[in-house]
Amino acid sequence: MDLNTLRQFVVVARLEHLSRAADELRVAQPSLSRTISRLESELGAPLFERAGRLRLNETGRLFRDYVERSLGELDAGRRAVAEAVSEGVGGVRLASETFLTLTGPLAAFKRAHPSIEVGLHWTPAEDMARRLRAQDVDLCVASQPIPVEGLESVRLFEDPVGVGTPRDHRLAGRASVSVDELAGEPFITARKGHWIRRLLDRLFAARGLTPRIVCESDEPSAIAQLISAGLGVGLVPGFARHSAAQTAGVWIPVDDPGCRRTVTLYWGADSHLSTAARLMRATITGWDWAAPAP
């Protein structure tokens, strides 16, 4: 059992797909399959279910958590040594569900620290705690709470969430709209797990309703563009209503105090943060979040 095998296992466990994992790792799929089989033989237990789609089983999830923590500690140690030897500031790895929110502070950070390498990782909220514990990323910006022990956090801002509609929509021009008035509307939204989808489902479920979803997308910018094209309506954060992708549509507040998001910065309480990560944390927490979005 070597480090390369463990790193390959983590990728297969994350993707639960041998072909995609082989592409990401840039290895042949048969070779990767043999590696996983040898690992299972060495452990004396299967790590995946292979009936139909490849899925991590309970033993595999248990082993993955230990491997990720171990690899995370090793990588953190390497970064700490490299930083100490070079007397440099290291790099920073930042995860978020949407980077539109972070455009301003990221641009300011690069202007102030042009030599620092910044790695950006799109990550759904449910995976953020795991990636922080594994020290796979340094910082996470989430649009929904991460109720997990062992994390430190700073609340950045609260953002009202409204409904985006085409300009010729029947609700366009309204000062506000209720959730009941949106029943039956064709919704363009994100896939399950994304904070926008969770908010939409929660708002409708509280009234015994089910949203009529006509399109699911992983791209927030695509959602705004499809709304503007007249294909439906969708929840849009207030922070994004000024973006270029939304200018062809209309943003209307929703009459529900729960129709909002709390954007929070998280990091591991016991994680080693490089100087670069600490500088990024200071930039994000010190940003004027009350200013209009770019």
Protein backbone atom coordinates (compact mmCIF):
# COMPACT_ATOMS: atom_id res chain seq x y z
CA MET A 1 0.00 0.00 0.00
CA ASP A 2 1.82 3.12 -1.22
CA LEU A 3 0.91 6.80 -1.42
CA ASN A 4 0.15 6.64 -5.13
CA THR A 5 -2.37 3.85 -4.54
CA LEU A 6 -4.04 5.80 -1.74
CA ARG A 7 -4.24 8.97 -3.82
CA GLN A 8 -5.77 7.03 -6.70
CA PHE A 9 -8.28 5.44 -4.35
CA VAL A 10 -9.37 8.89 -3.09
CA VAL A 11 -10.05 10.08 -6.64
CA VAL A 12 -12.06 6.94 -7.49
CA ALA A 13 -13.96 7.30 -4.21
CA ARG A 14 -14.80 10.92 -4.98
CA LEU A 15 -15.94 10.36 -8.56
CA GLU A 16 -17.36 6.83 -8.16
CA HIS A 17 -16.54 6.31 -11.81
CA LEU A 18 -13.45 4.46 -13.05
CA SER A 19 -13.31 6.03 -16.49
CA ARG A 20 -13.55 9.62 -15.23
CA ALA A 21 -11.07 8.86 -12.44
CA ALA A 22 -8.63 7.38 -14.96
CA ASP A 23 -8.96 10.52 -17.11
CA GLU A 24 -8.34 12.80 -14.14
CA LEU A 25 -5.36 10.73 -12.97
CA ARG A 26 -4.09 10.30 -16.54
CA VAL A 27 -3.72 6.55 -16.19
CA ALA A 28 -5.19 3.65 -18.14
CA GLN A 29 -8.53 2.46 -16.81
CA PRO A 30 -7.51 -1.25 -16.63
CA SER A 31 -4.42 -0.28 -14.64
CA LEU A 32 -6.52 1.80 -12.23
CA SER A 33 -9.01 -1.05 -11.85
CA ARG A 34 -6.18 -3.45 -10.94
CA THR A 35 -4.80 -0.95 -8.42
CA ILE A 36 -8.16 -0.74 -6.64
CA SER A 37 -8.55 -4.51 -6.68
CA ARG A 38 -5.07 -4.98 -5.16
CA LEU A 39 -5.92 -2.46 -2.45
CA GLU A 40 -9.13 -4.32 -1.60
CA SER A 41 -7.21 -7.60 -1.48
CA GLU A 42 -4.62 -6.11 0.85
CA LEU A 43 -7.34 -4.75 3.14
CA GLY A 44 -9.31 -7.98 2.97
CA ALA A 45 -12.58 -6.19 2.23
CA PRO A 46 -14.37 -4.71 -0.78
CA LEU A 47 -14.50 -0.92 -0.84
CA PHE A 48 -17.01 -0.47 -3.65
CA GLU A 49 -20.32 -1.90 -4.77
CA ARG A 50 -20.08 -2.93 -8.41
CA ALA A 51 -23.69 -3.84 -9.22
CA GLY A 52 -24.48 -1.35 -11.96
CA ARG A 53 -22.86 1.99 -11.17
CA LEU A 54 -19.67 1.94 -9.08
CA ARG A 55 -20.50 3.11 -5.56
CA LEU A 56 -18.42 3.48 -2.40
CA ASN A 57 -19.73 1.09 0.27
CA GLU A 58 -19.77 1.65 4.03
CA THR A 59 -16.29 0.14 4.47
CA GLY A 60 -15.01 2.27 1.62
CA ARG A 61 -16.39 5.45 3.21
CA LEU A 62 -14.74 4.54 6.52
CA PHE A 63 -11.39 3.91 4.83
CA ARG A 64 -11.70 7.04 2.64
CA ASP A 65 -12.09 9.26 5.72
CA TYR A 66 -8.90 7.88 7.29
CA VAL A 67 -6.97 8.09 4.03
CA GLU A 68 -8.05 11.67 3.35
CA ARG A 69 -7.06 12.76 6.85
CA SER A 70 -3.69 11.03 6.55
CA LEU A 71 -2.94 12.46 3.12
CA GLY A 72 -4.10 15.86 4.28
CA GLU A 73 -1.71 15.81 7.23
CA LEU A 74 1.13 14.69 4.98
CA ASP A 75 0.43 17.41 2.41
CA ALA A 76 0.13 20.01 5.16
CA GLY A 77 3.50 18.91 6.52
CA ARG A 78 5.09 19.19 3.11
CA ARG A 79 3.66 22.69 2.61
CA ALA A 80 4.84 23.77 6.05
CA VAL A 81 8.37 22.51 5.37
CA ALA A 82 8.44 24.12 1.92
CA GLU A 83 7.27 27.40 3.37
CA ALA A 84 9.85 27.27 6.16
CA VAL A 85 12.69 26.37 3.80
CA SER A 86 11.85 28.98 1.19
CA GLU A 87 10.86 31.61 3.75
CA GLY A 88 7.99 32.24 1.35
CA VAL A 89 4.29 32.56 1.91
CA GLY A 90 3.09 29.40 0.18
CA GLY A 91 -0.12 29.14 -1.84
CA VAL A 92 -3.80 29.15 -1.02
CA ARG A 93 -6.63 26.82 -2.07
CA LEU A 94 -10.13 28.26 -1.89
CA ALA A 95 -13.39 26.36 -2.37
CA SER A 96 -16.82 27.81 -3.08
CA GLU A 97 -20.12 27.03 -4.79
CA THR A 98 -19.92 30.26 -6.76
CA PHE A 99 -16.98 32.54 -7.44
CA LEU A 100 -19.08 35.46 -8.71
CA THR A 101 -19.51 36.46 -5.07
CA LEU A 102 -15.73 36.49 -4.60
CA THR A 103 -14.71 38.39 -7.73
CA GLY A 104 -13.96 41.61 -5.85
CA PRO A 105 -11.79 40.25 -3.02
CA LEU A 106 -10.01 37.81 -5.33
CA ALA A 107 -9.06 40.62 -7.71
CA ALA A 108 -7.86 42.74 -4.79
CA PHE A 109 -5.82 39.83 -3.42
CA LYS A 110 -4.06 39.24 -6.74
CA ARG A 111 -3.26 42.94 -7.10
CA ALA A 112 -1.76 43.00 -3.61
CA HIS A 113 0.00 39.61 -3.87
CA PRO A 114 0.64 38.86 -7.58
CA SER A 115 3.22 36.15 -6.87
CA ILE A 116 0.96 34.01 -4.68
CA GLU A 117 -0.65 31.07 -6.45
CA VAL A 118 -4.40 30.83 -5.86
CA GLY A 119 -6.19 27.54 -6.51
CA LEU A 120 -9.97 27.80 -6.93
CA HIS A 121 -12.09 24.69 -6.42
CA TRP A 122 -15.83 24.50 -7.13
CA THR A 123 -17.26 22.49 -4.24
CA PRO A 124 -20.87 21.88 -3.13
CA ALA A 125 -21.56 22.77 0.50
CA GLU A 126 -22.02 19.15 1.58
CA ASP A 127 -18.42 18.35 0.55
CA MET A 128 -16.76 21.38 2.14
CA ALA A 129 -16.37 20.02 5.67
CA ARG A 130 -14.80 16.82 4.35
CA ARG A 131 -12.35 18.73 2.16
CA LEU A 132 -11.39 21.03 5.04
CA ARG A 133 -10.86 18.12 7.43
CA ALA A 134 -8.74 16.38 4.81
CA GLN A 135 -6.84 19.67 4.29
CA ASP A 136 -7.57 19.32 0.61
CA VAL A 137 -8.47 23.04 0.63
CA ASP A 138 -7.54 25.83 3.04
CA LEU A 139 -10.67 27.99 3.02
CA CYS A 140 -14.30 27.56 1.99
CA VAL A 141 -16.96 30.16 1.28
CA ALA A 142 -20.42 28.65 1.73
CA SER A 143 -23.88 30.06 1.05
CA GLN A 144 -25.47 27.79 3.66
CA PRO A 145 -24.42 26.69 7.16
CA ILE A 146 -21.94 23.84 7.62
CA PRO A 147 -22.99 22.40 11.02
CA VAL A 148 -19.84 20.37 11.64
CA GLU A 149 -17.51 20.44 14.65
CA GLY A 150 -13.85 21.30 14.16
CA LEU A 151 -14.41 24.28 11.86
CA GLU A 152 -13.83 27.98 12.48
CA SER A 153 -15.96 30.52 10.67
CA VAL A 154 -16.65 34.21 10.05
CA ARG A 155 -20.01 35.37 8.70
CA LEU A 156 -19.37 37.64 5.73
CA PHE A 157 -22.82 38.97 4.80
CA GLU A 158 -26.50 38.16 4.46
CA ASP A 159 -27.97 38.35 0.99
CA PRO A 160 -31.66 38.58 0.05
CA VAL A 161 -32.66 36.09 -2.63
CA GLY A 162 -35.26 37.18 -5.17
CA VAL A 163 -36.82 35.72 -8.26
CA GLY A 164 -35.41 36.47 -11.68
CA THR A 165 -37.90 36.76 -14.56
CA PRO A 166 -37.79 37.80 -18.22
CA ARG A 167 -38.66 41.46 -18.82
CA ASP A 168 -42.00 40.59 -20.43
CA HIS A 169 -43.10 38.26 -17.62
CA ARG A 170 -46.48 38.85 -15.98
CA LEU A 171 -44.77 39.58 -12.64
CA ALA A 172 -42.19 41.99 -14.05
CA GLY A 173 -42.59 45.43 -12.55
CA ARG A 174 -43.93 44.14 -9.23
CA ALA A 175 -42.32 45.54 -6.06
CA SER A 176 -42.33 42.03 -4.56
CA VAL A 177 -43.87 38.61 -5.09
CA SER A 178 -45.06 35.81 -2.78
CA VAL A 179 -44.06 32.17 -3.01
CA ASP A 180 -47.71 31.24 -3.63
CA GLU A 181 -47.73 33.46 -6.72
CA LEU A 182 -44.77 31.49 -8.08
CA ALA A 183 -46.58 28.14 -7.85
CA GLY A 184 -46.87 26.64 -11.31
CA GLU A 185 -44.15 28.82 -12.81
CA PRO A 186 -41.46 26.96 -14.80
CA PHE A 187 -38.30 27.11 -12.67
CA ILE A 188 -34.72 27.04 -13.88
CA THR A 189 -32.54 26.10 -10.95
CA ALA A 190 -29.45 24.24 -9.75
CA ARG A 191 -29.14 20.52 -9.13
CA LYS A 192 -30.02 18.97 -5.77
CA GLY A 193 -27.43 19.78 -3.10
CA HIS A 194 -26.77 23.32 -4.32
CA TRP A 195 -27.90 26.02 -1.89
CA ILE A 196 -30.25 27.62 -4.46
CA ARG A 197 -32.05 24.31 -4.97
CA ARG A 198 -32.26 23.64 -1.25
CA LEU A 199 -33.76 27.09 -0.66
CA LEU A 200 -36.28 26.64 -3.48
CA ASP A 201 -37.39 23.23 -2.18
CA ARG A 202 -37.63 24.54 1.40
CA LEU A 203 -39.74 27.59 0.46
CA PHE A 204 -42.23 25.48 -1.49
CA ALA A 205 -42.34 22.59 1.00
CA ALA A 206 -43.24 25.01 3.82
CA ARG A 207 -46.46 25.71 1.89
CA GLY A 208 -47.14 22.13 0.85
CA LEU A 209 -46.11 22.92 -2.72
CA THR A 210 -43.66 21.41 -5.18
CA PRO A 211 -41.78 23.66 -7.61
CA ARG A 212 -42.27 22.98 -11.31
CA ILE A 213 -38.66 22.50 -12.42
CA VAL A 214 -38.03 22.56 -16.17
CA CYS A 215 -34.22 22.82 -16.12
CA GLU A 216 -31.42 21.95 -13.69
CA SER A 217 -27.96 23.42 -14.25
CA ASP A 218 -24.58 23.36 -12.53
CA GLU A 219 -23.73 26.77 -13.96
CA PRO A 220 -25.20 29.81 -12.12
CA SER A 221 -24.44 32.06 -15.08
CA ALA A 222 -26.39 29.70 -17.36
CA ILE A 223 -29.39 29.90 -15.04
CA ALA A 224 -29.49 33.70 -15.36
CA GLN A 225 -29.08 33.56 -19.12
CA LEU A 226 -31.86 30.99 -19.55
CA ILE A 227 -34.16 33.13 -17.39
CA SER A 228 -33.34 36.19 -19.50
CA ALA A 229 -34.04 34.16 -22.66
CA GLY A 230 -37.60 33.63 -21.46
CA LEU A 231 -37.41 29.91 -20.66
CA GLY A 232 -38.55 30.27 -17.06
CA VAL A 233 -38.00 31.97 -13.71
CA GLY A 234 -35.50 31.18 -10.97
CA LEU A 235 -34.12 32.20 -7.61
CA VAL A 236 -31.28 34.68 -7.97
CA PRO A 237 -29.17 36.05 -5.08
CA GLY A 238 -29.33 39.79 -4.63
CA PHE A 239 -25.56 39.96 -4.99
CA ALA A 240 -25.85 38.71 -8.57
CA ARG A 241 -28.69 40.93 -9.73
CA HIS A 242 -26.23 43.56 -10.99
CA SER A 243 -24.16 41.10 -13.04
CA ALA A 244 -24.01 41.37 -16.82
CA ALA A 245 -25.70 37.98 -17.21
CA GLN A 246 -28.78 39.25 -15.39
CA THR A 247 -29.21 42.67 -17.06
CA ALA A 248 -31.63 41.33 -19.68
CA GLY A 249 -34.01 40.12 -16.94
CA VAL A 250 -35.83 41.47 -13.89
CA TRP A 251 -35.04 40.80 -10.21
CA ILE A 252 -38.00 40.86 -7.80
CA PRO A 253 -37.80 40.47 -3.98
CA VAL A 254 -39.69 37.52 -2.50
CA ASP A 255 -42.08 38.15 0.42
CA ASP A 256 -40.59 35.59 2.78
CA PRO A 257 -38.05 36.36 5.54
CA GLY A 258 -36.41 32.98 4.92
CA CYS A 259 -35.67 33.77 1.28
CA ARG A 260 -32.08 34.79 1.88
CA ARG A 261 -28.64 33.26 2.27
CA THR A 262 -25.88 33.74 4.83
CA VAL A 263 -22.45 33.69 3.22
CA THR A 264 -19.76 32.39 5.59
CA LEU A 265 -16.03 31.77 5.40
CA TYR A 266 -14.86 28.46 6.95
CA TRP A 267 -11.49 26.89 7.74
CA GLY A 268 -10.30 23.95 9.82
CA ALA A 269 -9.81 24.78 13.49
CA ASP A 270 -6.69 22.61 13.70
CA SER A 271 -5.41 23.09 10.15
CA HIS A 272 -2.07 24.63 9.35
CA LEU A 273 -2.76 27.73 7.27
CA SER A 274 0.08 29.02 5.13
CA THR A 275 0.90 32.70 5.19
CA ALA A 276 -0.88 32.94 1.83
CA ALA A 277 -4.04 31.36 3.27
CA ARG A 278 -3.96 33.74 6.22
CA LEU A 279 -3.56 36.69 3.85
CA MET A 280 -6.51 35.46 1.79
CA ARG A 281 -8.60 35.03 4.93
CA ALA A 282 -7.79 38.60 5.97
CA THR A 283 -8.67 39.91 2.51
CA ILE A 284 -12.04 38.14 2.43
CA THR A 285 -13.05 39.00 5.99
CA GLY A 286 -11.91 42.60 5.58
CA TRP A 287 -13.77 43.14 2.28
CA ASP A 288 -16.57 45.74 2.20
CA TRP A 289 -19.43 43.34 1.53
CA ALA A 290 -21.97 46.16 1.79
CA ALA A 291 -20.70 47.63 -1.49
CA PRO A 292 -22.73 46.84 -4.64
CA ALA A 293 -21.69 43.79 -6.59
CA PRO A 294 -19.55 44.49 -9.68
